[in-house]
């Protein structure tokens, strides 16, 4: 049965414009927004977390006491923990 994936191991991206099939354990994320939970593929997460959102998040960290030169390091750590992704593309 090579190439067969059990149905409980797949889902679809919850972005209505995407609907890619996602294999659980691959590049897929559970995103929590308030009381809602979404399954999103890596492409959709990268669309949601763009350069503008990164800059705004850095500003918010600084406003809340993080040193300006440390904000990107703190934000990158959050990106690894919460989204399992690299926020700063070189």
Protein backbone atom coordinates (compact mmCIF):
# COMPACT_ATOMS: atom_id res chain seq x y z
CA UNK A 1 0.00 0.00 0.00
CA UNK A 2 2.79 2.42 -0.79
CA UNK A 3 1.59 5.96 -1.46
CA UNK A 4 -1.68 5.54 0.47
CA UNK A 5 -2.28 8.11 3.22
CA UNK A 6 -4.89 7.38 5.91
CA UNK A 7 -7.80 9.86 5.85
CA UNK A 8 -7.14 10.91 9.46
CA UNK A 9 -3.71 12.16 8.36
CA UNK A 10 -4.98 14.72 5.84
CA UNK A 11 -7.00 17.89 6.05
CA UNK A 12 -7.59 20.95 3.87
CA UNK A 13 -6.25 24.44 4.35
CA UNK A 14 -9.04 26.54 5.94
CA UNK A 15 -8.23 29.56 3.78
CA UNK A 16 -11.22 29.60 1.40
CA UNK A 17 -9.04 30.91 -1.44
CA UNK A 18 -6.53 28.09 -1.05
CA UNK A 19 -8.05 24.76 0.09
CA UNK A 20 -4.78 22.87 -0.48
CA UNK A 21 -4.65 19.35 0.87
CA UNK A 22 -2.42 19.31 3.94
CA UNK A 23 -0.68 16.21 5.24
CA UNK A 24 -0.61 16.41 9.04
CA UNK A 25 2.95 16.53 10.26
CA UNK A 26 4.14 18.36 7.15
CA UNK A 27 3.98 22.11 6.62
CA UNK A 28 0.69 22.76 8.33
CA UNK A 29 -0.22 24.98 11.25
CA UNK A 30 -2.98 25.22 13.81
CA UNK A 31 -3.60 28.95 14.13
CA UNK A 32 -5.64 30.23 17.08
CA UNK A 33 -7.53 33.52 16.81
CA UNK A 34 -9.79 34.12 19.77
CA UNK A 35 -12.18 31.20 20.07
CA UNK A 36 -11.44 29.98 16.54
CA UNK A 37 -8.88 27.46 15.35
CA UNK A 38 -7.74 27.19 11.74
CA UNK A 39 -5.61 24.68 9.85
CA UNK A 40 -3.42 26.60 7.40
CA UNK A 41 -0.77 25.51 4.94
CA UNK A 42 2.71 27.10 5.04
CA UNK A 43 1.93 29.32 2.02
CA UNK A 44 -1.09 30.88 3.73
CA UNK A 45 0.79 31.45 6.99
CA UNK A 46 3.49 33.29 5.03
CA UNK A 47 0.79 35.45 3.42
CA UNK A 48 -0.66 36.33 6.84
CA UNK A 49 2.73 37.12 8.41
CA UNK A 50 4.22 39.61 5.96
CA UNK A 51 6.80 42.37 6.32
CA UNK A 52 4.24 44.90 7.57
CA UNK A 53 3.07 42.54 10.32
CA UNK A 54 6.66 41.86 11.33
CA UNK A 55 7.45 45.60 11.60
CA UNK A 56 4.28 46.23 13.63
CA UNK A 57 5.11 43.33 15.94
CA UNK A 58 8.63 44.67 16.51
CA UNK A 59 7.17 48.10 17.40
CA UNK A 60 4.75 46.47 19.84
CA UNK A 61 7.56 44.56 21.54
CA UNK A 62 9.58 47.78 21.96
CA UNK A 63 6.53 49.60 23.33
CA UNK A 64 6.22 46.81 25.90
CA UNK A 65 9.77 47.03 27.20
CA UNK A 66 11.90 44.91 24.85
CA UNK A 67 15.10 46.67 23.76
CA UNK A 68 14.93 47.85 20.15
CA UNK A 69 17.99 45.83 19.10
CA UNK A 70 16.49 42.67 20.69
CA UNK A 71 12.97 42.91 19.22
CA UNK A 72 13.79 40.95 16.07
CA UNK A 73 15.44 38.17 18.11
CA UNK A 74 12.42 37.89 20.41
CA UNK A 75 10.01 37.94 17.46
CA UNK A 76 12.00 35.26 15.62
CA UNK A 77 11.88 33.05 18.72
CA UNK A 78 8.10 33.48 18.81
CA UNK A 79 7.95 32.58 15.12
CA UNK A 80 9.82 29.35 15.79
CA UNK A 81 7.68 28.41 18.77
CA UNK A 82 4.23 29.49 17.53
CA UNK A 83 4.50 28.97 13.77
CA UNK A 84 7.53 26.72 13.31
CA UNK A 85 8.78 29.10 10.64
CA UNK A 86 11.57 31.55 9.86
CA UNK A 87 10.09 35.06 9.96
CA UNK A 88 13.17 36.85 8.66
CA UNK A 89 14.13 35.74 5.16
CA UNK A 90 17.72 36.60 4.25
